[in-house]
């Protein structure tokens, strides 16, 4: 049995679609219906209030529907609250279990031949 998994990076840039009123309900319905939603780079965009409201709606719908969502960020706990805002951060903390990954970056430093 297959499952629909959707991985979104730089979620804020995807939210631009939702600024167009005809797309808002379709956008929310799509992201609320996916069986597993993975949102990477949470907090990178330092989103607008509109983006925070949309993300809150998506997470609220997913929590209500008991659908799993994975949020990934390089932010610390305190920074998440500052970037996401109290309302969204509270919703996430009430339903999520944080997992801390510690260690050195696996990315290698760029060298002049990186584009060769």
PDB file of N, CA and C in Angstrom:
ATOM      1  N   UNK A   1       0.842  -1.171   0.000  1.00  0.00           N
ATOM      2  CA  UNK A   1       0.000   0.000   0.000  1.00  0.00           C
ATOM      3  C   UNK A   1       0.890   1.238   0.000  1.00  0.00           C
ATOM      4  N   UNK A   2       0.678   2.117  -0.928  1.00  0.00           N
ATOM      5  CA  UNK A   2       1.462   3.341  -1.023  1.00  0.00           C
ATOM      6  C   UNK A   2       0.895   4.426  -0.128  1.00  0.00           C
ATOM      7  N   UNK A   3       1.740   5.373   0.177  1.00  0.00           N
ATOM      8  CA  UNK A   3       1.322   6.516   0.986  1.00  0.00           C
ATOM      9  C   UNK A   3       1.835   7.780   0.327  1.00  0.00           C
ATOM     10  N   UNK A   4       1.051   8.828   0.417  1.00  0.00           N
ATOM     11  CA  UNK A   4       1.471  10.106  -0.131  1.00  0.00           C
ATOM     12  C   UNK A   4       2.270  10.854   0.918  1.00  0.00           C
ATOM     13  N   UNK A   5       3.538  11.068   0.614  1.00  0.00           N
ATOM     14  CA  UNK A   5       4.421  11.822   1.491  1.00  0.00           C
ATOM     15  C   UNK A   5       4.860  13.049   0.720  1.00  0.00           C
ATOM     16  N   UNK A   6       4.768  14.184   1.340  1.00  0.00           N
ATOM     17  CA  UNK A   6       5.131  15.428   0.681  1.00  0.00           C
ATOM     18  C   UNK A   6       6.169  16.125   1.532  1.00  0.00           C
ATOM     19  N   UNK A   7       7.320  16.412   0.935  1.00  0.00           N
ATOM     20  CA  UNK A   7       8.391  17.089   1.649  1.00  0.00           C
ATOM     21  C   UNK A   7       8.523  18.487   1.075  1.00  0.00           C
ATOM     22  N   UNK A   8       8.431  19.476   1.943  1.00  0.00           N
ATOM     23  CA  UNK A   8       8.498  20.869   1.532  1.00  0.00           C
ATOM     24  C   UNK A   8       9.710  21.507   2.196  1.00  0.00           C
ATOM     25  N   UNK A   9      10.568  22.117   1.383  1.00  0.00           N
ATOM     26  CA  UNK A   9      11.653  22.911   1.951  1.00  0.00           C
ATOM     27  C   UNK A   9      11.359  24.375   1.652  1.00  0.00           C
ATOM     28  N   UNK A  10      11.890  25.232   2.456  1.00  0.00           N
ATOM     29  CA  UNK A  10      11.616  26.665   2.328  1.00  0.00           C
ATOM     30  C   UNK A  10      10.120  26.900   2.191  1.00  0.00           C
ATOM     31  N   UNK A  11       9.390  26.414   3.177  1.00  0.00           N
ATOM     32  CA  UNK A  11       7.935  26.433   3.182  1.00  0.00           C
ATOM     33  C   UNK A  11       7.363  27.812   2.921  1.00  0.00           C
ATOM     34  N   UNK A  12       8.045  28.842   3.379  1.00  0.00           N
ATOM     35  CA  UNK A  12       7.552  30.207   3.186  1.00  0.00           C
ATOM     36  C   UNK A  12       7.369  30.555   1.726  1.00  0.00           C
ATOM     37  N   UNK A  13       8.261  30.071   0.857  1.00  0.00           N
ATOM     38  CA  UNK A  13       8.118  30.376  -0.559  1.00  0.00           C
ATOM     39  C   UNK A  13       6.930  29.643  -1.164  1.00  0.00           C
ATOM     40  N   UNK A  14       6.584  28.475  -0.627  1.00  0.00           N
ATOM     41  CA  UNK A  14       5.397  27.764  -1.094  1.00  0.00           C
ATOM     42  C   UNK A  14       4.139  28.505  -0.665  1.00  0.00           C
ATOM     43  N   UNK A  15       4.180  29.159   0.479  1.00  0.00           N
ATOM     44  CA  UNK A  15       3.012  29.865   0.994  1.00  0.00           C
ATOM     45  C   UNK A  15       2.611  31.054   0.139  1.00  0.00           C
ATOM     46  N   UNK A  16       3.494  31.503  -0.726  1.00  0.00           N
ATOM     47  CA  UNK A  16       3.159  32.622  -1.610  1.00  0.00           C
ATOM     48  C   UNK A  16       1.900  32.302  -2.410  1.00  0.00           C
ATOM     49  N   UNK A  17       1.731  31.050  -2.782  1.00  0.00           N
ATOM     50  CA  UNK A  17       0.551  30.611  -3.524  1.00  0.00           C
ATOM     51  C   UNK A  17      -0.715  30.987  -2.759  1.00  0.00           C
ATOM     52  N   UNK A  18      -0.656  30.854  -1.462  1.00  0.00           N
ATOM     53  CA  UNK A  18      -1.846  31.053  -0.654  1.00  0.00           C
ATOM     54  C   UNK A  18      -2.270  32.508  -0.548  1.00  0.00           C
ATOM     55  N   UNK A  19      -1.439  33.416  -0.989  1.00  0.00           N
ATOM     56  CA  UNK A  19      -1.819  34.827  -0.945  1.00  0.00           C
ATOM     57  C   UNK A  19      -2.874  35.164  -1.993  1.00  0.00           C
ATOM     58  N   UNK A  20      -3.075  34.305  -2.948  1.00  0.00           N
ATOM     59  CA  UNK A  20      -4.073  34.527  -3.987  1.00  0.00           C
ATOM     60  C   UNK A  20      -5.375  33.867  -3.538  1.00  0.00           C
ATOM     61  N   UNK A  21      -6.382  34.647  -3.197  1.00  0.00           N
ATOM     62  CA  UNK A  21      -7.619  34.124  -2.621  1.00  0.00           C
ATOM     63  C   UNK A  21      -8.212  32.892  -3.300  1.00  0.00           C
ATOM     64  N   UNK A  22      -8.184  32.777  -4.638  1.00  0.00           N
ATOM     65  CA  UNK A  22      -8.781  31.580  -5.235  1.00  0.00           C
ATOM     66  C   UNK A  22      -8.072  30.278  -4.831  1.00  0.00           C
ATOM     67  N   UNK A  23      -6.820  30.390  -4.405  1.00  0.00           N
ATOM     68  CA  UNK A  23      -6.052  29.193  -4.102  1.00  0.00           C
ATOM     69  C   UNK A  23      -6.039  28.826  -2.618  1.00  0.00           C
ATOM     70  N   UNK A  24      -6.491  29.699  -1.756  1.00  0.00           N
ATOM     71  CA  UNK A  24      -6.343  29.489  -0.316  1.00  0.00           C
ATOM     72  C   UNK A  24      -6.966  28.173   0.133  1.00  0.00           C
ATOM     73  N   UNK A  25      -8.228  27.945  -0.182  1.00  0.00           N
ATOM     74  CA  UNK A  25      -8.900  26.731   0.286  1.00  0.00           C
ATOM     75  C   UNK A  25      -8.295  25.471  -0.329  1.00  0.00           C
ATOM     76  N   UNK A  26      -7.936  25.520  -1.600  1.00  0.00           N
ATOM     77  CA  UNK A  26      -7.305  24.347  -2.240  1.00  0.00           C
ATOM     78  C   UNK A  26      -5.946  24.069  -1.610  1.00  0.00           C
ATOM     79  N   UNK A  27      -5.212  25.124  -1.335  1.00  0.00           N
ATOM     80  CA  UNK A  27      -3.898  25.018  -0.721  1.00  0.00           C
ATOM     81  C   UNK A  27      -4.007  24.366   0.660  1.00  0.00           C
ATOM     82  N   UNK A  28      -4.905  24.891   1.490  1.00  0.00           N
ATOM     83  CA  UNK A  28      -5.089  24.337   2.831  1.00  0.00           C
ATOM     84  C   UNK A  28      -5.567  22.895   2.776  1.00  0.00           C
ATOM     85  N   UNK A  29      -6.478  22.609   1.882  1.00  0.00           N
ATOM     86  CA  UNK A  29      -7.008  21.252   1.752  1.00  0.00           C
ATOM     87  C   UNK A  29      -5.908  20.282   1.327  1.00  0.00           C
ATOM     88  N   UNK A  30      -5.082  20.687   0.374  1.00  0.00           N
ATOM     89  CA  UNK A  30      -3.999  19.824  -0.102  1.00  0.00           C
ATOM     90  C   UNK A  30      -3.033  19.472   1.025  1.00  0.00           C
ATOM     91  N   UNK A  31      -2.514  20.498   1.718  1.00  0.00           N
ATOM     92  CA  UNK A  31      -1.528  20.242   2.762  1.00  0.00           C
ATOM     93  C   UNK A  31      -2.142  19.586   3.997  1.00  0.00           C
ATOM     94  N   UNK A  32      -3.435  19.726   4.171  1.00  0.00           N
ATOM     95  CA  UNK A  32      -4.101  19.078   5.299  1.00  0.00           C
ATOM     96  C   UNK A  32      -4.424  17.622   5.005  1.00  0.00           C
ATOM     97  N   UNK A  33      -4.475  17.246   3.743  1.00  0.00           N
ATOM     98  CA  UNK A  33      -4.895  15.892   3.373  1.00  0.00           C
ATOM     99  C   UNK A  33      -3.742  14.910   3.170  1.00  0.00           C
ATOM    100  N   UNK A  34      -2.545  15.393   3.017  1.00  0.00           N
ATOM    101  CA  UNK A  34      -1.396  14.519   2.781  1.00  0.00           C
ATOM    102  C   UNK A  34      -1.208  13.591   3.974  1.00  0.00           C
ATOM    103  N   UNK A  35      -0.881  12.320   3.682  1.00  0.00           N
ATOM    104  CA  UNK A  35      -0.751  11.346   4.767  1.00  0.00           C
ATOM    105  C   UNK A  35       0.413  11.657   5.696  1.00  0.00           C
ATOM    106  N   UNK A  36       1.550  12.079   5.154  1.00  0.00           N
ATOM    107  CA  UNK A  36       2.684  12.508   5.965  1.00  0.00           C
ATOM    108  C   UNK A  36       3.267  13.758   5.337  1.00  0.00           C
ATOM    109  N   UNK A  37       3.308  14.832   6.090  1.00  0.00           N
ATOM    110  CA  UNK A  37       3.859  16.096   5.611  1.00  0.00           C
ATOM    111  C   UNK A  37       5.151  16.372   6.366  1.00  0.00           C
ATOM    112  N   UNK A  38       6.224  16.632   5.616  1.00  0.00           N
ATOM    113  CA  UNK A  38       7.509  16.976   6.202  1.00  0.00           C
ATOM    114  C   UNK A  38       7.833  18.404   5.774  1.00  0.00           C
ATOM    115  N   UNK A  39       7.996  19.283   6.746  1.00  0.00           N
ATOM    116  CA  UNK A  39       8.324  20.680   6.460  1.00  0.00           C
ATOM    117  C   UNK A  39       9.737  20.931   6.962  1.00  0.00           C
ATOM    118  N   UNK A  40      10.631  21.201   6.039  1.00  0.00           N
ATOM    119  CA  UNK A  40      12.033  21.435   6.363  1.00  0.00           C
ATOM    120  C   UNK A  40      12.311  22.939   6.372  1.00  0.00           C
ATOM    121  N   UNK A  41      13.354  23.318   7.042  1.00  0.00           N
ATOM    122  CA  UNK A  41      13.806  24.717   7.101  1.00  0.00           C
ATOM    123  C   UNK A  41      12.785  25.631   7.761  1.00  0.00           C
ATOM    124  N   UNK A  42      12.078  25.109   8.764  1.00  0.00           N
ATOM    125  CA  UNK A  42      11.119  25.937   9.497  1.00  0.00           C
ATOM    126  C   UNK A  42      11.872  27.096  10.132  1.00  0.00           C
ATOM    127  N   UNK A  43      11.381  28.289   9.925  1.00  0.00           N
ATOM    128  CA  UNK A  43      11.978  29.471  10.519  1.00  0.00           C
ATOM    129  C   UNK A  43      12.972  30.196   9.650  1.00  0.00           C
ATOM    130  N   UNK A  44      13.365  29.591   8.533  1.00  0.00           N
ATOM    131  CA  UNK A  44      14.338  30.244   7.662  1.00  0.00           C
ATOM    132  C   UNK A  44      13.747  31.514   7.062  1.00  0.00           C
ATOM    133  N   UNK A  45      12.495  31.448   6.670  1.00  0.00           N
ATOM    134  CA  UNK A  45      11.855  32.591   6.032  1.00  0.00           C
ATOM    135  C   UNK A  45      11.462  33.683   7.016  1.00  0.00           C
ATOM    136  N   UNK A  46      11.388  33.348   8.302  1.00  0.00           N
ATOM    137  CA  UNK A  46      10.913  34.304   9.308  1.00  0.00           C
ATOM    138  C   UNK A  46       9.621  34.953   8.819  1.00  0.00           C
ATOM    139  N   UNK A  47       8.650  34.087   8.569  1.00  0.00           N
ATOM    140  CA  UNK A  47       7.431  34.423   7.866  1.00  0.00           C
ATOM    141  C   UNK A  47       6.613  35.580   8.383  1.00  0.00           C
ATOM    142  N   UNK A  48       5.803  36.067   7.482  1.00  0.00           N
ATOM    143  CA  UNK A  48       4.871  37.147   7.790  1.00  0.00           C
ATOM    144  C   UNK A  48       3.737  36.599   8.652  1.00  0.00           C
ATOM    145  N   UNK A  49       2.909  37.480   9.142  1.00  0.00           N
ATOM    146  CA  UNK A  49       1.759  37.053   9.939  1.00  0.00           C
ATOM    147  C   UNK A  49       0.823  36.181   9.104  1.00  0.00           C
ATOM    148  N   UNK A  50       0.683  36.490   7.813  1.00  0.00           N
ATOM    149  CA  UNK A  50      -0.166  35.666   6.937  1.00  0.00           C
ATOM    150  C   UNK A  50       0.382  34.253   6.831  1.00  0.00           C
ATOM    151  N   UNK A  51       1.683  34.130   6.663  1.00  0.00           N
ATOM    152  CA  UNK A  51       2.295  32.804   6.572  1.00  0.00           C
ATOM    153  C   UNK A  51       2.105  32.032   7.869  1.00  0.00           C
ATOM    154  N   UNK A  52       2.241  32.717   8.996  1.00  0.00           N
ATOM    155  CA  UNK A  52       2.053  32.057  10.290  1.00  0.00           C
ATOM    156  C   UNK A  52       0.619  31.564  10.443  1.00  0.00           C
ATOM    157  N   UNK A  53      -0.353  32.374  10.005  1.00  0.00           N
ATOM    158  CA  UNK A  53      -1.766  31.970  10.094  1.00  0.00           C
ATOM    159  C   UNK A  53      -2.039  30.750   9.220  1.00  0.00           C
ATOM    160  N   UNK A  54      -1.478  30.745   8.026  1.00  0.00           N
ATOM    161  CA  UNK A  54      -1.688  29.612   7.124  1.00  0.00           C
ATOM    162  C   UNK A  54      -1.041  28.359   7.686  1.00  0.00           C
ATOM    163  N   UNK A  55       0.187  28.479   8.166  1.00  0.00           N
ATOM    164  CA  UNK A  55       0.862  27.330   8.758  1.00  0.00           C
ATOM    165  C   UNK A  55       0.084  26.834   9.971  1.00  0.00           C
ATOM    166  N   UNK A  56      -0.432  27.746  10.792  1.00  0.00           N
ATOM    167  CA  UNK A  56      -1.238  27.355  11.938  1.00  0.00           C
ATOM    168  C   UNK A  56      -2.465  26.570  11.475  1.00  0.00           C
ATOM    169  N   UNK A  57      -3.144  27.052  10.440  1.00  0.00           N
ATOM    170  CA  UNK A  57      -4.342  26.359   9.936  1.00  0.00           C
ATOM    171  C   UNK A  57      -4.008  24.955   9.462  1.00  0.00           C
ATOM    172  N   UNK A  58      -2.907  24.832   8.739  1.00  0.00           N
ATOM    173  CA  UNK A  58      -2.498  23.510   8.249  1.00  0.00           C
ATOM    174  C   UNK A  58      -2.204  22.581   9.421  1.00  0.00           C
ATOM    175  N   UNK A  59      -1.405  23.055  10.376  1.00  0.00           N
ATOM    176  CA  UNK A  59      -1.057  22.211  11.526  1.00  0.00           C
ATOM    177  C   UNK A  59      -2.283  21.892  12.366  1.00  0.00           C
ATOM    178  N   UNK A  60      -3.172  22.857  12.536  1.00  0.00           N
ATOM    179  CA  UNK A  60      -4.385  22.622  13.304  1.00  0.00           C
ATOM    180  C   UNK A  60      -5.250  21.557  12.631  1.00  0.00           C
ATOM    181  N   UNK A  61      -5.410  21.659  11.310  1.00  0.00           N
ATOM    182  CA  UNK A  61      -6.180  20.646  10.569  1.00  0.00           C
ATOM    183  C   UNK A  61      -5.539  19.274  10.687  1.00  0.00           C
ATOM    184  N   UNK A  62      -4.224  19.220  10.594  1.00  0.00           N
ATOM    185  CA  UNK A  62      -3.521  17.939  10.662  1.00  0.00           C
ATOM    186  C   UNK A  62      -3.613  17.330  12.062  1.00  0.00           C
ATOM    187  N   UNK A  63      -3.510  18.159  13.093  1.00  0.00           N
ATOM    188  CA  UNK A  63      -3.631  17.674  14.469  1.00  0.00           C
ATOM    189  C   UNK A  63      -5.041  17.135  14.702  1.00  0.00           C
ATOM    190  N   UNK A  64      -6.040  17.883  14.258  1.00  0.00           N
ATOM    191  CA  UNK A  64      -7.432  17.460  14.408  1.00  0.00           C
ATOM    192  C   UNK A  64      -7.699  16.145  13.679  1.00  0.00           C
ATOM    193  N   UNK A  65      -7.082  15.984  12.509  1.00  0.00           N
ATOM    194  CA  UNK A  65      -7.254  14.769  11.698  1.00  0.00           C
ATOM    195  C   UNK A  65      -6.314  13.642  12.116  1.00  0.00           C
ATOM    196  N   UNK A  66      -5.463  13.904  13.104  1.00  0.00           N
ATOM    197  CA  UNK A  66      -4.489  12.933  13.604  1.00  0.00           C
ATOM    198  C   UNK A  66      -3.545  12.448  12.508  1.00  0.00           C
ATOM    199  N   UNK A  67      -3.088  13.390  11.692  1.00  0.00           N
ATOM    200  CA  UNK A  67      -2.142  13.071  10.627  1.00  0.00           C
ATOM    201  C   UNK A  67      -0.748  13.523  11.052  1.00  0.00           C
ATOM    202  N   UNK A  68       0.252  12.692  10.823  1.00  0.00           N
ATOM    203  CA  UNK A  68       1.609  13.035  11.263  1.00  0.00           C
ATOM    204  C   UNK A  68       2.241  14.139  10.422  1.00  0.00           C
ATOM    205  N   UNK A  69       2.998  14.971  11.106  1.00  0.00           N
ATOM    206  CA  UNK A  69       3.721  16.066  10.467  1.00  0.00           C
ATOM    207  C   UNK A  69       5.098  16.135  11.111  1.00  0.00           C
ATOM    208  N   UNK A  70       6.116  16.250  10.289  1.00  0.00           N
ATOM    209  CA  UNK A  70       7.477  16.396  10.787  1.00  0.00           C
ATOM    210  C   UNK A  70       7.945  17.800  10.436  1.00  0.00           C
ATOM    211  N   UNK A  71       8.382  18.530  11.452  1.00  0.00           N
ATOM    212  CA  UNK A  71       8.926  19.873  11.258  1.00  0.00           C
ATOM    213  C   UNK A  71      10.419  19.808  11.559  1.00  0.00           C
ATOM    214  N   UNK A  72      11.225  20.306  10.634  1.00  0.00           N
ATOM    215  CA  UNK A  72      12.673  20.289  10.832  1.00  0.00           C
ATOM    216  C   UNK A  72      13.208  21.709  10.792  1.00  0.00           C
ATOM    217  N   UNK A  73      14.136  21.998  11.702  1.00  0.00           N
ATOM    218  CA  UNK A  73      14.702  23.332  11.786  1.00  0.00           C
ATOM    219  C   UNK A  73      16.090  23.272  12.408  1.00  0.00           C
ATOM    220  N   UNK A  74      16.865  24.289  12.156  1.00  0.00           N
ATOM    221  CA  UNK A  74      18.157  24.438  12.818  1.00  0.00           C
ATOM    222  C   UNK A  74      18.047  25.373  14.005  1.00  0.00           C
ATOM    223  N   UNK A  75      16.848  25.867  14.262  1.00  0.00           N
ATOM    224  CA  UNK A  75      16.633  26.799  15.368  1.00  0.00           C
ATOM    225  C   UNK A  75      16.596  26.065  16.699  1.00  0.00           C
ATOM    226  N   UNK A  76      17.016  26.758  17.740  1.00  0.00           N
ATOM    227  CA  UNK A  76      16.862  26.242  19.091  1.00  0.00           C
ATOM    228  C   UNK A  76      15.434  26.469  19.558  1.00  0.00           C
ATOM    229  N   UNK A  77      15.098  25.892  20.693  1.00  0.00           N
ATOM    230  CA  UNK A  77      13.729  25.988  21.199  1.00  0.00           C
ATOM    231  C   UNK A  77      13.293  27.443  21.399  1.00  0.00           C
ATOM    232  N   UNK A  78      14.141  28.253  22.004  1.00  0.00           N
ATOM    233  CA  UNK A  78      13.777  29.653  22.249  1.00  0.00           C
ATOM    234  C   UNK A  78      13.592  30.405  20.939  1.00  0.00           C
ATOM    235  N   UNK A  79      14.470  30.169  19.973  1.00  0.00           N
ATOM    236  CA  UNK A  79      14.369  30.855  18.686  1.00  0.00           C
ATOM    237  C   UNK A  79      13.115  30.451  17.924  1.00  0.00           C
ATOM    238  N   UNK A  80      12.689  29.206  18.056  1.00  0.00           N
ATOM    239  CA  UNK A  80      11.452  28.771  17.394  1.00  0.00           C
ATOM    240  C   UNK A  80      10.274  29.608  17.863  1.00  0.00           C
ATOM    241  N   UNK A  81      10.189  29.817  19.159  1.00  0.00           N
ATOM    242  CA  UNK A  81       9.105  30.623  19.703  1.00  0.00           C
ATOM    243  C   UNK A  81       9.126  32.042  19.181  1.00  0.00           C
ATOM    244  N   UNK A  82      10.316  32.619  19.066  1.00  0.00           N
ATOM    245  CA  UNK A  82      10.434  33.991  18.574  1.00  0.00           C
ATOM    246  C   UNK A  82      10.060  34.101  17.102  1.00  0.00           C
ATOM    247  N   UNK A  83      10.507  33.163  16.300  1.00  0.00           N
ATOM    248  CA  UNK A  83      10.281  33.219  14.855  1.00  0.00           C
ATOM    249  C   UNK A  83       8.845  32.846  14.490  1.00  0.00           C
ATOM    250  N   UNK A  84       8.310  31.801  15.120  1.00  0.00           N
ATOM    251  CA  UNK A  84       6.984  31.315  14.752  1.00  0.00           C
ATOM    252  C   UNK A  84       5.846  32.078  15.421  1.00  0.00           C
ATOM    253  N   UNK A  85       6.132  32.746  16.511  1.00  0.00           N
ATOM    254  CA  UNK A  85       5.083  33.432  17.248  1.00  0.00           C
ATOM    255  C   UNK A  85       4.484  32.519  18.306  1.00  0.00           C
ATOM    256  N   UNK A  86       3.916  33.125  19.332  1.00  0.00           N
ATOM    257  CA  UNK A  86       3.422  32.370  20.485  1.00  0.00           C
ATOM    258  C   UNK A  86       2.326  31.367  20.136  1.00  0.00           C
ATOM    259  N   UNK A  87       1.371  31.787  19.323  1.00  0.00           N
ATOM    260  CA  UNK A  87       0.216  30.920  19.021  1.00  0.00           C
ATOM    261  C   UNK A  87       0.639  29.648  18.289  1.00  0.00           C
ATOM    262  N   UNK A  88       1.429  29.813  17.231  1.00  0.00           N
ATOM    263  CA  UNK A  88       1.861  28.660  16.447  1.00  0.00           C
ATOM    264  C   UNK A  88       2.824  27.789  17.248  1.00  0.00           C
ATOM    265  N   UNK A  89       3.738  28.421  17.956  1.00  0.00           N
ATOM    266  CA  UNK A  89       4.705  27.686  18.763  1.00  0.00           C
ATOM    267  C   UNK A  89       3.997  26.871  19.845  1.00  0.00           C
ATOM    268  N   UNK A  90       2.972  27.446  20.466  1.00  0.00           N
ATOM    269  CA  UNK A  90       2.208  26.734  21.482  1.00  0.00           C
ATOM    270  C   UNK A  90       1.511  25.519  20.888  1.00  0.00           C
ATOM    271  N   UNK A  91       0.949  25.666  19.699  1.00  0.00           N
ATOM    272  CA  UNK A  91       0.265  24.550  19.023  1.00  0.00           C
ATOM    273  C   UNK A  91       1.266  23.426  18.730  1.00  0.00           C
ATOM    274  N   UNK A  92       2.423  23.792  18.248  1.00  0.00           N
ATOM    275  CA  UNK A  92       3.440  22.787  17.924  1.00  0.00           C
ATOM    276  C   UNK A  92       3.899  22.076  19.198  1.00  0.00           C
ATOM    277  N   UNK A  93       4.203  22.836  20.238  1.00  0.00           N
ATOM    278  CA  UNK A  93       4.700  22.234  21.486  1.00  0.00           C
ATOM    279  C   UNK A  93       3.667  21.348  22.157  1.00  0.00           C
ATOM    280  N   UNK A  94       2.375  21.643  21.957  1.00  0.00           N
ATOM    281  CA  UNK A  94       1.343  20.839  22.615  1.00  0.00           C
ATOM    282  C   UNK A  94       1.163  19.478  21.960  1.00  0.00           C
ATOM    283  N   UNK A  95       1.614  19.335  20.721  1.00  0.00           N
ATOM    284  CA  UNK A  95       1.369  18.092  19.995  1.00  0.00           C
ATOM    285  C   UNK A  95       2.621  17.431  19.431  1.00  0.00           C
ATOM    286  N   UNK A  96       3.777  18.032  19.647  1.00  0.00           N
ATOM    287  CA  UNK A  96       5.003  17.509  19.046  1.00  0.00           C
ATOM    288  C   UNK A  96       5.999  17.070  20.115  1.00  0.00           C
ATOM    289  N   UNK A  97       6.810  16.121  19.712  1.00  0.00           N
ATOM    290  CA  UNK A  97       7.896  15.667  20.568  1.00  0.00           C
ATOM    291  C   UNK A  97       9.195  16.110  19.913  1.00  0.00           C
ATOM    292  N   UNK A  98       9.946  17.002  20.562  1.00  0.00           N
ATOM    293  CA  UNK A  98      11.200  17.456  19.937  1.00  0.00           C
ATOM    294  C   UNK A  98      12.280  16.374  20.013  1.00  0.00           C
ATOM    295  N   UNK A  99      13.059  16.291  18.950  1.00  0.00           N
ATOM    296  CA  UNK A  99      14.192  15.377  18.897  1.00  0.00           C
ATOM    297  C   UNK A  99      15.402  16.219  18.521  1.00  0.00           C
ATOM    298  N   UNK A 100      16.413  16.181  19.355  1.00  0.00           N
ATOM    299  CA  UNK A 100      17.617  16.977  19.132  1.00  0.00           C
ATOM    300  C   UNK A 100      18.690  16.107  18.493  1.00  0.00           C
ATOM    301  N   UNK A 101      19.208  16.569  17.376  1.00  0.00           N
ATOM    302  CA  UNK A 101      20.323  15.911  16.715  1.00  0.00           C
ATOM    303  C   UNK A 101      21.547  16.785  16.935  1.00  0.00           C
ATOM    304  N   UNK A 102      22.552  16.239  17.583  1.00  0.00           N
ATOM    305  CA  UNK A 102      23.756  17.005  17.869  1.00  0.00           C
ATOM    306  C   UNK A 102      24.915  16.426  17.072  1.00  0.00           C
ATOM    307  N   UNK A 103      25.836  17.284  16.751  1.00  0.00           N
ATOM    308  CA  UNK A 103      27.030  16.816  16.063  1.00  0.00           C
ATOM    309  C   UNK A 103      27.488  17.822  15.031  1.00  0.00           C
ATOM    310  N   UNK A 104      28.554  17.469  14.387  1.00  0.00           N
ATOM    311  CA  UNK A 104      29.107  18.329  13.350  1.00  0.00           C
ATOM    312  C   UNK A 104      28.312  18.209  12.061  1.00  0.00           C
ATOM    313  N   UNK A 105      28.368  19.242  11.266  1.00  0.00           N
ATOM    314  CA  UNK A 105      27.709  19.230   9.969  1.00  0.00           C
ATOM    315  C   UNK A 105      28.384  18.220   9.050  1.00  0.00           C
ATOM    316  N   UNK A 106      27.579  17.559   8.232  1.00  0.00           N
ATOM    317  CA  UNK A 106      28.127  16.640   7.240  1.00  0.00           C
ATOM    318  C   UNK A 106      28.479  17.363   5.946  1.00  0.00           C
ATOM    319  N   UNK A 107      28.106  18.619   5.850  1.00  0.00           N
ATOM    320  CA  UNK A 107      28.429  19.387   4.653  1.00  0.00           C
ATOM    321  C   UNK A 107      29.904  19.723   4.659  1.00  0.00           C
ATOM    322  N   UNK A 108      30.508  19.537   3.518  1.00  0.00           N
ATOM    323  CA  UNK A 108      31.915  19.879   3.378  1.00  0.00           C
ATOM    324  C   UNK A 108      32.019  21.346   2.979  1.00  0.00           C
ATOM    325  N   UNK A 109      33.071  22.041   3.440  1.00  0.00           N
ATOM    326  CA  UNK A 109      33.247  23.431   3.023  1.00  0.00           C
ATOM    327  C   UNK A 109      33.404  23.526   1.503  1.00  0.00           C
ATOM    328  N   UNK A 110      32.843  24.552   0.923  1.00  0.00           N
ATOM    329  CA  UNK A 110      32.943  24.754  -0.513  1.00  0.00           C
ATOM    330  C   UNK A 110      34.397  25.066  -0.898  1.00  0.00           C
ATOM    331  N   UNK A 111      34.783  24.573  -2.036  1.00  0.00           N
ATOM    332  CA  UNK A 111      36.117  24.841  -2.565  1.00  0.00           C
ATOM    333  C   UNK A 111      35.953  25.483  -3.938  1.00  0.00           C
ATOM    334  N   UNK A 112      37.015  26.102  -4.476  1.00  0.00           N
ATOM    335  CA  UNK A 112      36.894  26.780  -5.778  1.00  0.00           C
ATOM    336  C   UNK A 112      36.417  25.860  -6.906  1.00  0.00           C
ATOM    337  N   UNK A 113      36.633  24.565  -6.803  1.00  0.00           N
ATOM    338  CA  UNK A 113      36.244  23.644  -7.880  1.00  0.00           C
ATOM    339  C   UNK A 113      34.819  23.098  -7.708  1.00  0.00           C
ATOM    340  N   UNK A 114      34.024  23.689  -6.806  1.00  0.00           N
ATOM    341  CA  UNK A 114      32.703  23.163  -6.521  1.00  0.00           C
ATOM    342  C   UNK A 114      31.798  23.098  -7.762  1.00  0.00           C
ATOM    343  N   UNK A 115      31.991  23.972  -8.726  1.00  0.00           N
ATOM    344  CA  UNK A 115      31.159  23.991  -9.928  1.00  0.00           C
ATOM    345  C   UNK A 115      31.839  23.377 -11.140  1.00  0.00           C
ATOM    346  N   UNK A 116      32.985  22.769 -10.947  1.00  0.00           N
ATOM    347  CA  UNK A 116      33.688  22.135 -12.081  1.00  0.00           C
ATOM    348  C   UNK A 116      33.038  20.843 -12.479  1.00  0.00           C
TER     349      UNK A 116
END
